[in-house]
Protein backbone atom coordinates (compact mmCIF):
# COMPACT_ATOMS: atom_id res chain seq x y z
CA MET A 1 130.83 120.99 100.68
CA ILE A 2 129.29 120.80 97.20
CA GLN A 3 131.38 118.91 94.66
CA MET A 4 131.26 119.58 90.93
CA LYS A 5 132.97 116.40 89.76
CA ASN A 6 129.69 114.92 88.47
CA LEU A 7 128.05 118.10 87.20
CA SER A 8 126.07 116.66 84.28
CA GLY A 9 124.84 113.66 86.27
CA ASP A 10 123.77 115.83 89.22
CA LEU A 11 121.99 118.33 86.97
CA PHE A 12 120.05 115.62 85.17
CA GLY A 13 119.35 113.71 88.39
CA GLY A 14 118.05 116.83 90.13
CA LEU A 15 115.91 117.82 87.15
CA THR A 16 114.40 114.34 86.88
CA ALA A 17 113.69 114.22 90.62
CA ALA A 18 111.97 117.63 90.43
CA VAL A 19 109.71 116.44 87.63
CA VAL A 20 108.73 113.43 89.74
CA ALA A 21 108.32 115.56 92.89
CA LEU A 22 106.01 118.20 91.36
CA PRO A 23 102.76 116.20 91.12
CA LEU A 24 103.37 114.57 94.50
CA ALA A 25 104.03 117.90 96.23
CA LEU A 26 100.83 119.37 94.79
CA ALA A 27 98.82 116.28 95.70
CA PHE A 28 100.10 116.13 99.28
CA GLY A 29 99.41 119.86 99.68
CA VAL A 30 95.79 119.44 98.59
CA GLN A 31 95.33 116.40 100.84
CA SER A 32 96.69 118.29 103.85
CA GLY A 33 94.01 120.97 103.69
CA MET A 34 96.51 123.84 103.34
CA GLY A 35 96.40 123.84 99.54
CA ALA A 36 98.69 122.71 96.76
CA ILE A 37 101.08 125.60 97.33
CA ALA A 38 101.94 124.32 100.82
CA GLY A 39 103.23 121.08 99.32
CA LEU A 40 105.35 123.01 96.82
CA TYR A 41 106.78 125.33 99.50
CA GLY A 42 107.72 122.31 101.62
CA ALA A 43 109.36 120.55 98.69
CA ILE A 44 111.46 123.63 97.88
CA ALA A 45 112.64 124.35 101.44
CA LEU A 46 113.47 120.74 102.21
CA GLY A 47 114.82 120.06 98.75
CA VAL A 48 117.49 122.73 99.03
CA LEU A 49 118.33 122.83 102.75
CA ALA A 50 118.20 119.11 103.57
CA ALA A 51 120.43 118.43 100.58
CA LEU A 52 122.87 121.21 101.49
CA LEU A 53 123.14 120.43 105.22
CA GLY A 54 122.18 116.73 105.39
CA GLY A 55 124.32 113.64 105.67
CA THR A 56 123.22 111.68 102.58
CA ASN A 57 124.72 112.90 99.32
CA THR A 58 121.98 111.65 96.99
CA GLN A 59 118.92 112.16 99.20
CA ILE A 60 115.94 114.01 97.71
CA SER A 61 113.68 115.43 100.41
CA GLY A 62 110.17 116.84 100.41
CA PRO A 63 106.64 116.04 101.57
CA THR A 64 106.17 112.27 101.79
CA GLY A 65 103.14 110.03 102.25
CA PRO A 66 103.69 109.32 105.97
CA MET A 67 104.51 112.96 106.81
CA ALA A 68 101.56 114.25 104.78
CA VAL A 69 99.20 111.93 106.66
CA VAL A 70 100.37 113.20 110.07
CA ALA A 71 100.45 116.83 108.90
CA SER A 72 96.88 116.46 107.61
CA ALA A 73 95.77 115.15 111.01
CA VAL A 74 97.49 118.07 112.75
CA ILE A 75 95.88 120.62 110.44
CA ALA A 76 92.43 119.04 110.76
CA GLY A 77 92.73 118.98 114.55
CA GLU A 78 93.76 122.63 114.77
CA ILE A 79 90.99 123.73 112.41
CA ALA A 80 88.49 121.82 114.57
CA ILE A 81 89.71 123.79 117.61
CA TYR A 82 89.98 127.25 116.05
CA GLY A 83 87.18 127.04 113.47
CA SER A 84 89.09 127.89 110.28
CA LEU A 85 92.47 127.56 108.62
CA ASP A 86 93.17 131.30 108.95
CA ALA A 87 92.50 131.21 112.69
CA ALA A 88 94.58 128.07 113.19
CA ILE A 89 97.51 128.96 110.95
CA GLY A 90 99.66 130.27 113.80
CA THR A 91 99.43 127.02 115.77
CA ILE A 92 99.96 124.95 112.62
CA VAL A 93 103.09 126.91 111.66
CA ALA A 94 104.42 126.68 115.22
CA THR A 95 103.88 122.90 115.25
CA PHE A 96 105.78 122.44 111.99
CA VAL A 97 108.61 124.71 113.11
CA LEU A 98 108.88 122.87 116.45
CA ALA A 99 109.05 119.55 114.57
CA GLY A 100 112.08 120.85 112.68
CA ILE A 101 113.71 122.13 115.87
CA PHE A 102 113.17 118.75 117.56
CA GLN A 103 114.89 117.04 114.62
CA ILE A 104 117.87 119.39 114.93
CA ILE A 105 118.09 118.51 118.63
CA MET A 106 117.86 114.80 117.75
CA GLY A 107 120.75 115.22 115.32
CA PHE A 108 123.01 117.03 117.79
CA SER A 109 122.17 114.54 120.56
CA GLY A 110 123.26 111.58 118.40
CA ILE A 111 119.90 109.82 118.50
CA GLY A 112 119.97 109.08 114.76
CA LYS A 113 122.08 105.95 115.19
CA TYR A 114 119.30 104.25 117.16
CA VAL A 115 116.82 104.27 114.27
CA ARG A 116 118.72 101.31 112.77
CA TYR A 117 117.31 99.12 115.56
CA MET A 118 113.73 99.48 114.33
CA PRO A 119 112.33 95.92 113.94
CA TYR A 120 111.12 94.97 110.46
CA PRO A 121 107.55 94.03 111.56
CA VAL A 122 107.11 97.51 113.06
CA ILE A 123 108.31 99.19 109.86
CA SER A 124 106.20 96.84 107.74
CA GLY A 125 102.99 97.39 109.68
CA PHE A 126 103.57 101.13 109.87
CA MET A 127 104.26 101.60 106.17
CA SER A 128 101.35 99.39 105.13
CA GLY A 129 99.09 101.36 107.47
CA ILE A 130 100.27 104.64 105.92
CA GLY A 131 99.53 103.27 102.45
CA ILE A 132 96.00 102.31 103.50
CA ILE A 133 95.39 105.75 105.06
CA ILE A 134 96.51 107.55 101.90
CA MET A 135 94.20 105.44 99.74
CA MET A 136 91.21 105.75 102.08
CA PHE A 137 91.46 109.55 102.11
CA GLN A 138 91.28 109.49 98.29
CA VAL A 139 88.09 107.40 98.07
CA PHE A 140 85.76 110.41 98.07
CA PRO A 141 87.94 112.63 95.79
CA PHE A 142 88.14 109.66 93.39
CA PHE A 143 84.40 110.03 92.90
CA GLY A 144 84.52 113.84 92.72
CA LEU A 145 83.44 114.42 96.32
CA THR A 146 84.97 116.10 99.38
CA SER A 147 86.53 113.63 101.79
CA PRO A 148 85.70 113.51 105.51
CA LYS A 149 88.67 114.32 107.74
CA ARG A 150 88.74 111.08 109.78
CA ILE A 151 89.04 107.42 108.77
CA VAL A 152 86.01 106.52 110.90
CA ASP A 153 83.90 109.14 109.11
CA ILE A 154 85.06 107.90 105.72
CA LEU A 155 83.96 104.37 106.56
CA SER A 156 80.64 105.47 108.06
CA ASN A 157 79.73 107.76 105.12
CA ILE A 158 80.96 105.56 102.29
CA GLY A 159 77.40 104.43 101.56
CA GLU A 160 76.52 107.97 100.41
CA ILE A 161 78.90 107.85 97.44
CA PRO A 162 76.61 106.12 94.88
CA SER A 163 73.96 108.83 95.11
CA MET A 164 76.41 111.72 94.65
CA LEU A 165 79.29 110.44 92.51
CA ASN A 166 80.61 112.43 89.56
CA TRP A 167 81.25 110.09 86.59
CA GLU A 168 83.56 112.61 84.90
CA ALA A 169 85.73 112.62 88.03
CA VAL A 170 85.74 108.81 88.11
CA ILE A 171 86.90 108.67 84.48
CA LEU A 172 89.73 111.15 85.18
CA ALA A 173 90.86 109.29 88.31
CA LEU A 174 90.79 105.89 86.58
CA SER A 175 92.64 107.32 83.57
CA THR A 176 95.31 108.71 85.92
CA ILE A 177 95.90 105.31 87.50
CA LEU A 178 96.03 103.56 84.12
CA ILE A 179 98.52 106.08 82.73
CA ILE A 180 100.77 105.79 85.77
CA TYR A 181 100.93 102.00 85.50
CA LEU A 182 100.86 101.57 81.71
CA PHE A 183 102.90 104.51 80.39
CA PRO A 184 106.24 103.06 81.67
CA ARG A 185 105.70 100.19 79.24
CA ILE A 186 106.06 102.74 76.43
CA THR A 187 108.99 104.68 77.91
CA ARG A 188 110.54 105.36 81.29
CA LYS A 189 112.27 108.54 80.21
CA LEU A 190 109.28 110.64 81.34
CA PRO A 191 107.61 110.21 84.76
CA SER A 192 104.17 108.69 84.20
CA ALA A 193 102.64 110.70 87.08
CA LEU A 194 103.68 113.96 85.38
CA ILE A 195 102.28 112.76 82.03
CA ALA A 196 98.96 111.97 83.73
CA LEU A 197 98.91 115.31 85.55
CA VAL A 198 99.63 117.48 82.50
CA GLY A 199 97.76 115.44 79.90
CA LEU A 200 94.53 114.97 81.82
CA THR A 201 94.53 118.58 83.05
CA ILE A 202 94.65 119.75 79.42
CA ILE A 203 91.91 117.31 78.40
CA SER A 204 89.71 118.34 81.33
CA TYR A 205 90.11 122.03 80.46
CA ILE A 206 89.48 121.60 76.73
CA LEU A 207 86.39 119.43 77.28
CA GLY A 208 85.10 121.65 80.06
CA LEU A 209 84.62 118.74 82.47
CA GLN A 210 82.65 119.59 85.59
CA VAL A 211 85.08 118.34 88.22
CA PRO A 212 86.64 120.02 91.27
CA ILE A 213 90.01 121.68 90.58
CA ILE A 214 92.85 122.99 92.75
CA GLY A 215 91.83 126.60 92.24
CA ASP A 216 93.90 129.75 92.67
CA ILE A 217 97.32 129.34 94.25
CA PRO A 218 99.58 132.21 95.38
CA LYS A 219 102.08 133.60 92.91
CA GLY A 220 105.69 134.45 93.63
CA LEU A 221 107.83 133.67 96.64
CA PRO A 222 106.18 132.76 99.98
CA ASP A 223 105.77 135.02 103.01
CA VAL A 224 107.66 134.31 106.22
CA HIS A 225 105.25 133.78 109.13
CA ILE A 226 107.33 135.36 111.92
CA ASP A 227 104.51 137.75 112.89
CA THR A 228 102.07 134.87 113.02
CA LEU A 229 104.26 133.07 115.52
CA LEU A 230 104.73 136.16 117.71
CA ASP A 231 101.00 136.98 117.83
CA MET A 232 99.69 133.48 118.58
CA ASP A 233 98.47 132.16 121.94
CA TRP A 234 101.23 130.20 123.71
CA HIS A 235 99.18 129.32 126.81
CA HIS A 236 98.62 125.70 125.70
CA PRO A 237 101.99 124.56 124.34
CA MET A 238 101.20 120.81 124.53
CA VAL A 239 98.71 121.30 121.69
CA MET A 240 101.80 121.89 119.52
CA ILE A 241 104.52 119.91 121.29
CA ILE A 242 102.95 116.43 121.06
CA PRO A 243 102.13 116.65 117.30
CA ALA A 244 105.56 118.21 116.69
CA LEU A 245 107.27 115.28 118.43
CA THR A 246 105.22 112.90 116.30
CA LEU A 247 106.28 114.66 113.10
CA ALA A 248 109.93 114.85 114.20
CA ALA A 249 110.13 111.16 115.08
CA LEU A 250 108.33 110.06 111.94
CA GLY A 251 110.44 112.33 109.74
CA ALA A 252 113.61 110.92 111.31
CA ILE A 253 112.54 107.33 110.67
CA ASP A 254 111.34 108.11 107.13
CA SER A 255 114.53 109.98 106.21
CA LEU A 256 117.04 107.54 107.69
CA LEU A 257 115.33 104.54 106.11
CA THR A 258 115.64 106.31 102.76
CA SER A 259 119.29 107.03 103.57
CA VAL A 260 119.85 103.29 104.01
CA VAL A 261 118.28 102.67 100.58
CA ALA A 262 120.59 105.29 99.07
CA ASP A 263 123.61 103.69 100.78
CA ASN A 264 122.75 100.30 99.32
CA MET A 265 122.44 101.76 95.82
CA THR A 266 125.56 103.95 95.89
CA LYS A 267 127.77 101.79 98.17
CA THR A 268 128.30 104.78 100.47
CA GLN A 269 127.67 105.43 104.17
CA HIS A 270 125.41 108.27 105.28
CA ASN A 271 125.87 110.36 108.45
CA SER A 272 122.60 109.83 110.31
CA ASN A 273 123.01 112.65 112.83
CA LYS A 274 124.00 115.17 110.17
CA GLU A 275 121.03 114.00 108.09
CA LEU A 276 118.65 114.75 110.96
CA ILE A 277 120.13 118.23 111.35
CA GLY A 278 119.63 118.93 107.64
CA GLN A 279 116.07 117.60 107.75
CA GLY A 280 115.39 119.68 110.85
CA VAL A 281 116.62 122.91 109.29
CA GLY A 282 114.59 122.17 106.15
CA ASN A 283 111.40 121.49 108.12
CA THR A 284 111.91 124.57 110.29
CA VAL A 285 112.17 126.82 107.25
CA ALA A 286 109.33 124.99 105.49
CA GLY A 287 107.11 125.70 108.49
CA LEU A 288 108.10 129.37 108.59
CA ILE A 289 107.05 129.88 104.93
CA GLY A 290 103.79 127.95 105.30
CA GLY A 291 105.00 124.72 103.73
CA LEU A 292 104.32 121.12 104.65
CA PRO A 293 106.93 119.22 106.67
CA GLY A 294 108.61 116.33 104.93
CA ALA A 295 111.45 113.85 104.93
CA GLY A 296 113.78 111.95 102.67
CA ALA A 297 111.64 110.58 99.82
CA THR A 298 112.58 107.07 98.75
CA MET A 299 111.11 107.11 95.25
CA ARG A 300 112.56 110.51 94.37
CA THR A 301 115.96 109.53 95.80
CA VAL A 302 116.02 106.35 93.72
CA VAL A 303 115.05 108.34 90.61
CA ASN A 304 117.84 110.81 91.30
CA ILE A 305 120.46 108.08 91.68
CA ASN A 306 119.30 106.19 88.59
CA ALA A 307 119.40 109.42 86.57
CA GLY A 308 123.03 110.07 87.52
CA GLY A 309 122.87 112.07 90.76
CA GLN A 310 125.86 111.43 93.02
CA THR A 311 126.38 114.55 95.18
CA LYS A 312 124.44 117.11 97.21
CA LEU A 313 124.20 119.29 94.12
CA SER A 314 121.49 117.00 92.69
CA GLY A 315 119.18 117.68 95.65
CA ILE A 316 119.79 121.41 95.46
CA VAL A 317 119.06 121.42 91.71
CA HIS A 318 115.80 119.56 92.42
CA GLY A 319 114.72 122.34 94.80
CA LEU A 320 115.75 125.18 92.47
CA VAL A 321 113.85 123.64 89.57
CA LEU A 322 110.72 123.65 91.75
CA VAL A 323 111.34 127.36 92.50
CA ILE A 324 111.32 128.06 88.76
CA ILE A 325 108.08 126.11 88.40
CA LEU A 326 106.59 128.02 91.35
CA LEU A 327 107.38 131.38 89.72
CA GLY A 328 106.03 130.47 86.29
CA ALA A 329 103.37 127.78 86.48
CA GLY A 330 100.86 129.03 89.05
CA ALA A 331 98.31 130.16 86.47
CA TYR A 332 98.22 126.67 84.96
CA ALA A 333 98.50 124.64 88.16
CA LYS A 334 95.17 126.00 89.42
CA LEU A 335 93.41 124.05 86.63
CA ILE A 336 94.60 120.64 87.86
CA PRO A 337 91.57 118.43 88.64
CA ILE A 338 91.34 117.02 92.17
CA PRO A 339 90.41 113.52 90.83
CA VAL A 340 93.74 113.43 88.96
CA LEU A 341 95.59 114.12 92.20
CA ALA A 342 93.46 111.46 93.88
CA GLY A 343 94.55 108.93 91.25
CA ILE A 344 98.21 109.86 91.79
CA LEU A 345 97.91 109.47 95.56
CA ILE A 346 96.13 106.12 95.26
CA THR A 347 99.13 104.77 93.34
CA VAL A 348 101.42 106.26 96.01
CA GLY A 349 99.45 104.43 98.69
CA ILE A 350 99.59 101.19 96.73
CA GLY A 351 103.36 101.56 96.39
CA ILE A 352 103.93 102.17 100.11
CA ILE A 353 102.25 98.95 101.28
CA ASP A 354 104.79 96.26 102.21
CA TYR A 355 103.62 93.33 100.09
CA LYS A 356 106.75 91.34 100.90
CA GLY A 357 105.95 91.37 104.61
CA ILE A 358 102.27 90.56 104.02
CA LYS A 359 103.14 87.71 101.65
CA HIS A 360 105.30 86.03 104.29
CA ILE A 361 102.96 86.67 107.24
CA LEU A 362 102.13 82.96 107.60
CA HIS A 363 105.78 81.90 107.38
CA VAL A 364 107.43 84.28 109.83
CA PRO A 365 107.39 83.77 113.62
CA ARG A 366 103.90 84.29 115.02
CA SER A 367 105.17 87.06 117.28
CA ASP A 368 106.45 89.05 114.27
CA ALA A 369 103.14 88.60 112.47
CA ILE A 370 101.17 89.78 115.53
CA VAL A 371 103.37 92.86 115.92
CA MET A 372 102.97 93.76 112.24
CA ILE A 373 99.16 93.41 112.32
CA ILE A 374 98.76 95.41 115.55
CA VAL A 375 101.02 98.22 114.29
CA LEU A 376 99.09 98.31 110.99
CA LEU A 377 95.69 98.54 112.72
CA MET A 378 96.88 101.15 115.23
CA THR A 379 98.43 103.21 112.45
CA VAL A 380 95.14 103.32 110.56
CA PHE A 381 92.68 103.69 113.41
CA VAL A 382 94.56 105.13 116.42
CA ASP A 383 97.78 107.15 116.05
CA LEU A 384 100.98 106.75 114.11
CA LEU A 385 103.46 107.46 116.89
CA GLN A 386 101.55 105.32 119.37
CA ALA A 387 101.53 102.51 116.80
CA VAL A 388 105.33 102.62 116.47
CA ALA A 389 105.82 102.86 120.26
CA VAL A 390 103.53 99.90 120.97
CA GLY A 391 105.17 97.90 118.18
CA MET A 392 108.66 98.54 119.54
CA VAL A 393 107.68 97.50 123.06
CA MET A 394 105.91 94.36 121.83
CA ALA A 395 108.77 93.38 119.51
CA SER A 396 111.32 93.79 122.30
CA ILE A 397 109.32 91.80 124.86
CA LEU A 398 108.43 89.00 122.45
CA PHE A 399 112.00 88.77 121.20
CA MET A 400 113.38 88.51 124.72
CA LYS A 401 110.91 85.71 125.45
CA GLN A 402 111.91 83.85 122.28
CA VAL A 403 115.63 84.09 123.05
CA SER A 404 115.07 83.12 126.66
CA ASP A 405 113.09 80.04 125.61
CA ARG A 406 115.74 79.01 123.08
CA VAL A 407 118.67 79.46 125.46
CA GLU A 408 116.80 77.57 128.20
CA GLN A 409 116.05 74.70 125.82
CA ARG A 410 119.66 74.59 124.61
CA ALA A 411 121.08 74.67 128.15
CA THR A 412 119.00 71.67 129.24
CA SER A 413 119.68 69.55 126.15
CA GLY A 414 123.40 70.08 125.52
CA SER A 415 126.36 68.56 127.34
CA LEU A 416 129.50 70.26 128.55
CA ASP A 417 131.55 68.52 125.87
CA ASP A 418 129.22 69.94 123.22
CA PHE A 419 129.79 73.50 124.41
CA GLU A 420 133.55 73.05 124.70
CA HIS A 421 133.54 71.80 121.14
CA LEU A 422 131.55 74.82 119.97
CA ASN A 423 133.83 77.27 121.76
CA LEU A 424 137.12 75.72 120.63
CA LEU A 425 136.06 74.82 117.08
CA PRO A 426 138.95 72.29 116.75
CA ASP A 427 137.49 70.92 113.52
CA GLU A 428 138.61 74.06 111.70
CA LYS A 429 142.21 73.45 112.68
CA LYS A 430 142.21 70.16 110.77
CA ILE A 431 141.45 71.72 107.39
CA SER A 432 144.20 71.31 104.82
CA ASP A 433 146.28 74.34 103.95
CA ALA A 434 145.25 74.02 100.32
CA LEU A 435 141.56 74.26 101.18
CA LYS A 436 142.14 77.15 103.57
CA GLN A 437 143.15 79.19 100.56
CA GLN A 438 139.76 78.58 98.96
CA ILE A 439 137.23 79.33 101.69
CA TYR A 440 136.01 82.16 103.91
CA ILE A 441 134.21 81.17 107.13
CA GLN A 442 131.73 83.51 108.80
CA HIS A 443 130.75 82.64 112.38
CA PHE A 444 127.48 83.67 114.03
CA ASP A 445 127.56 83.74 117.81
CA GLY A 446 123.91 84.32 118.68
CA PRO A 447 120.43 85.14 117.38
CA ILE A 448 120.12 86.98 114.08
CA PHE A 449 117.44 89.54 114.94
CA PHE A 450 116.45 93.15 114.35
CA GLY A 451 119.13 94.46 116.73
CA PHE A 452 121.85 92.56 114.86
CA THR A 453 120.93 93.19 111.21
CA SER A 454 122.76 96.52 110.95
CA HIS A 455 125.97 94.95 112.25
CA PHE A 456 125.47 91.95 109.97
CA LYS A 457 125.12 94.17 106.89
CA LEU A 458 128.29 96.02 107.91
CA MET A 459 130.11 92.68 108.24
CA MET A 460 129.05 91.70 104.72
CA GLN A 461 130.19 95.04 103.31
CA LYS A 462 133.66 94.56 104.84
CA LEU A 463 134.22 91.12 103.30
CA PRO A 464 137.41 90.89 101.25
CA ASP A 465 137.21 90.20 97.53
CA VAL A 466 136.44 86.48 97.89
CA GLN A 467 134.45 83.85 96.01
CA VAL A 468 133.23 81.21 98.53
CA VAL A 469 131.65 81.96 101.91
CA ILE A 470 130.58 79.41 104.55
CA PHE A 471 128.02 80.54 107.14
CA ARG A 472 128.54 78.49 110.34
CA MET A 473 125.20 78.81 112.14
CA GLN A 474 125.46 76.28 114.97
CA ARG A 475 125.23 79.14 117.52
CA VAL A 476 122.13 80.74 115.98
CA PRO A 477 119.14 79.62 118.08
CA TYR A 478 116.68 82.02 116.50
CA ILE A 479 116.14 84.17 113.40
CA ASP A 480 113.38 86.78 113.29
CA GLN A 481 111.87 88.43 110.21
CA SER A 482 114.41 91.27 110.13
CA GLY A 483 117.29 88.79 110.36
CA MET A 484 115.77 86.57 107.70
CA TYR A 485 115.61 89.42 105.18
CA ALA A 486 119.12 90.58 106.16
CA ILE A 487 120.45 87.12 105.27
CA GLU A 488 118.48 87.17 102.02
CA ASP A 489 119.90 90.58 101.06
CA ALA A 490 123.44 89.48 101.97
CA VAL A 491 123.22 86.29 99.89
CA GLN A 492 121.85 88.22 96.91
CA GLN A 493 124.67 90.77 97.17
CA LEU A 494 127.27 88.00 97.43
CA HIS A 495 125.81 86.23 94.39
CA GLN A 496 125.91 89.48 92.42
CA LYS A 497 129.64 89.63 93.18
CA GLY A 498 130.10 86.04 92.02
CA ILE A 499 130.46 84.63 95.54
CA ALA A 500 128.99 81.22 96.39
CA VAL A 501 127.28 80.85 99.78
CA ILE A 502 127.24 77.61 101.82
CA LEU A 503 125.13 77.11 104.97
CA CYS A 504 126.04 74.56 107.62
CA GLU A 505 124.98 73.44 111.08
CA MET A 506 121.67 75.29 111.11
CA GLN A 507 119.37 74.78 114.07
CA GLN A 508 115.80 73.80 113.28
CA GLN A 509 114.12 77.21 113.70
CA ALA A 510 116.68 78.93 111.49
CA GLU A 511 116.41 76.31 108.76
CA ASP A 512 112.60 76.35 108.89
CA MET A 513 112.59 80.14 108.46
CA LEU A 514 114.81 80.05 105.38
CA ARG A 515 112.83 77.20 103.83
CA ASN A 516 109.45 78.81 104.55
CA ILE A 517 110.24 81.78 102.32
CA LYS A 518 111.88 79.51 99.74
CA MET A 519 115.36 80.99 100.23
CA ILE A 520 116.30 77.33 100.24
CA PRO A 521 116.37 76.09 97.49
CA ALA A 522 115.47 79.12 95.29
CA LEU A 523 118.43 81.27 96.41
CA ILE A 524 120.68 78.70 98.07
CA PRO A 525 120.50 75.22 96.47
CA GLU A 526 120.19 72.06 98.55
CA SER A 527 123.72 71.11 97.50
CA HIS A 528 124.98 74.15 99.45
CA VAL A 529 123.28 73.17 102.74
CA PHE A 530 124.99 70.80 105.23
CA ASP A 531 124.10 69.60 108.70
CA SER A 532 127.72 69.46 109.86
CA PHE A 533 130.91 71.37 109.22
CA ARG A 534 132.81 68.12 108.63
CA LYS A 535 130.54 67.16 105.72
CA THR A 536 130.92 70.67 104.29
CA ILE A 537 134.71 70.40 104.26
CA GLU A 538 134.63 66.85 102.86
CA ALA A 539 132.38 67.98 100.01
CA LEU A 540 134.70 70.90 99.23
CA GLU A 541 137.82 68.71 99.36
CA GLN A 542 136.24 66.17 97.04
CA ASP A 543 134.91 68.84 94.65
CA GLU A 544 131.33 67.64 95.20
CA ILE A 545 129.85 71.15 95.39
CA GLU A 546 128.93 72.76 92.08
CA LEU A 547 129.91 76.34 92.78
CA THR A 548 128.81 77.61 89.40
CA ARG A 549 125.16 76.71 89.90
CA HIS A 550 124.05 80.02 91.41
CA CYS A 551 126.90 82.34 90.50
CA ASN A 552 129.44 82.59 87.75
CA ILE A 553 132.63 81.30 89.38
CA LYS A 554 135.74 80.31 87.52
CA ASN A 555 138.83 78.97 89.30
CA PRO A 556 137.72 79.69 92.90
CA LYS A 557 140.47 81.43 94.82
CA VAL A 558 139.54 82.91 98.18
CA LEU A 559 140.86 83.84 101.61
CA TRP A 560 140.58 82.36 105.09
CA ARG A 561 138.99 84.86 107.50
CA TYR A 562 136.95 85.05 110.69
């Protein structure tokens, strides 16, 4: 149900998101091979229907980088089989429609809740691979040339660029990138990508630059391709089913990850299964009208929230604004230079790469680093869905080995008295009543890994309004990369609330992980780290811990919880 309690914020949020979405939709449409209008059709269908029927109030949906890459591969493959876009359009439309139907089935079957168990190295390698693919496909358009359809062909033909490059195209593409990165230093009220798109299109037209342009795009509302579906050859359904499953799975992951981002920003909780149903309906309709499939778009969702969007109305407004643009701007959109779109997409690719994961590649467990690298390489050179599947299997097997090794080592080195002590925790019963009113103790009873991070985040969200938290980590034999970043996010959120965090009884692997990425002492000072619970309590009782060092605490007064 649409709520009108935040009308002005939703209107402005939706309008701002539409302005950001326009150049991206056009660029993804051109990259796909179906034309700029396909990107706009997809943005409209998803923008309205996914917002109306989805499970994330502030989500803005439309063609995204990952979905555009897979859609482009599907389109190129079908054209290679049938010889032309017109001949292949029936199979392409059927594939996109099936992808939407598969997402609807995923939503009704309750599969959405399992996406939260995606390990961080798999997501990191996949997203970085997508960013590299987007940039590589823009290398030739950057120089004013037509890009080959496969990564291997791009790499093998890259030596031909110097003899054919168009300097006017290079200047436009470079100018686009500079505007996108430098214009926000002047003002953030206008999207820099839109400024680059409009400004450089006008300059190119006035100066008569000899660069490739989008060309004519259809006017008015799109046709519905029901007849195309009925007349096509259904004798080889697997040609459509496998790519459709790839798009459906990728769209689910892309959308639900964006939903998590929206939850963190708005302090709400999305409905993952309902979100998949909304995305599925949007992609089904987008396919029927010849639009690109898409998903929840992180950047556009963040823009919407920051501009004041709070309800589903903001997403619907975003789609309706694009309808208005579709009906009135076609004559001008055909003049947009391809090198300008290439510059926009290069910045999109740069933004998708996970620099945080790459930066820490030498400091995370070797198994996580291997998984990330393999997923990245398979994403770029093999297949996106296969990359995710292989990454999930590897992450699960390697994690089980790590936990098995740790538990084995612990079982052979500890005594029965040690384990009785850990289970009973009698030391906590000796704490004075006065101190019990000032501390909150959080126990961890096993590894902090990718399967636990969702539960951990939920635990942190349910904390009472306290000011001092002690993490007892004597039962944590292992922390992987996902768990490490979950702890980092939790500590940052607690600090923002004015809550001090104290770590005690860390095992060696856990402490090494937190020190390798400088969480200790940059986020948690050395004075807040203890090797035993007894020393922690003694320091608190003797007021030896400076609680104001990393958060503004006055007169600490907290609760005792487990």
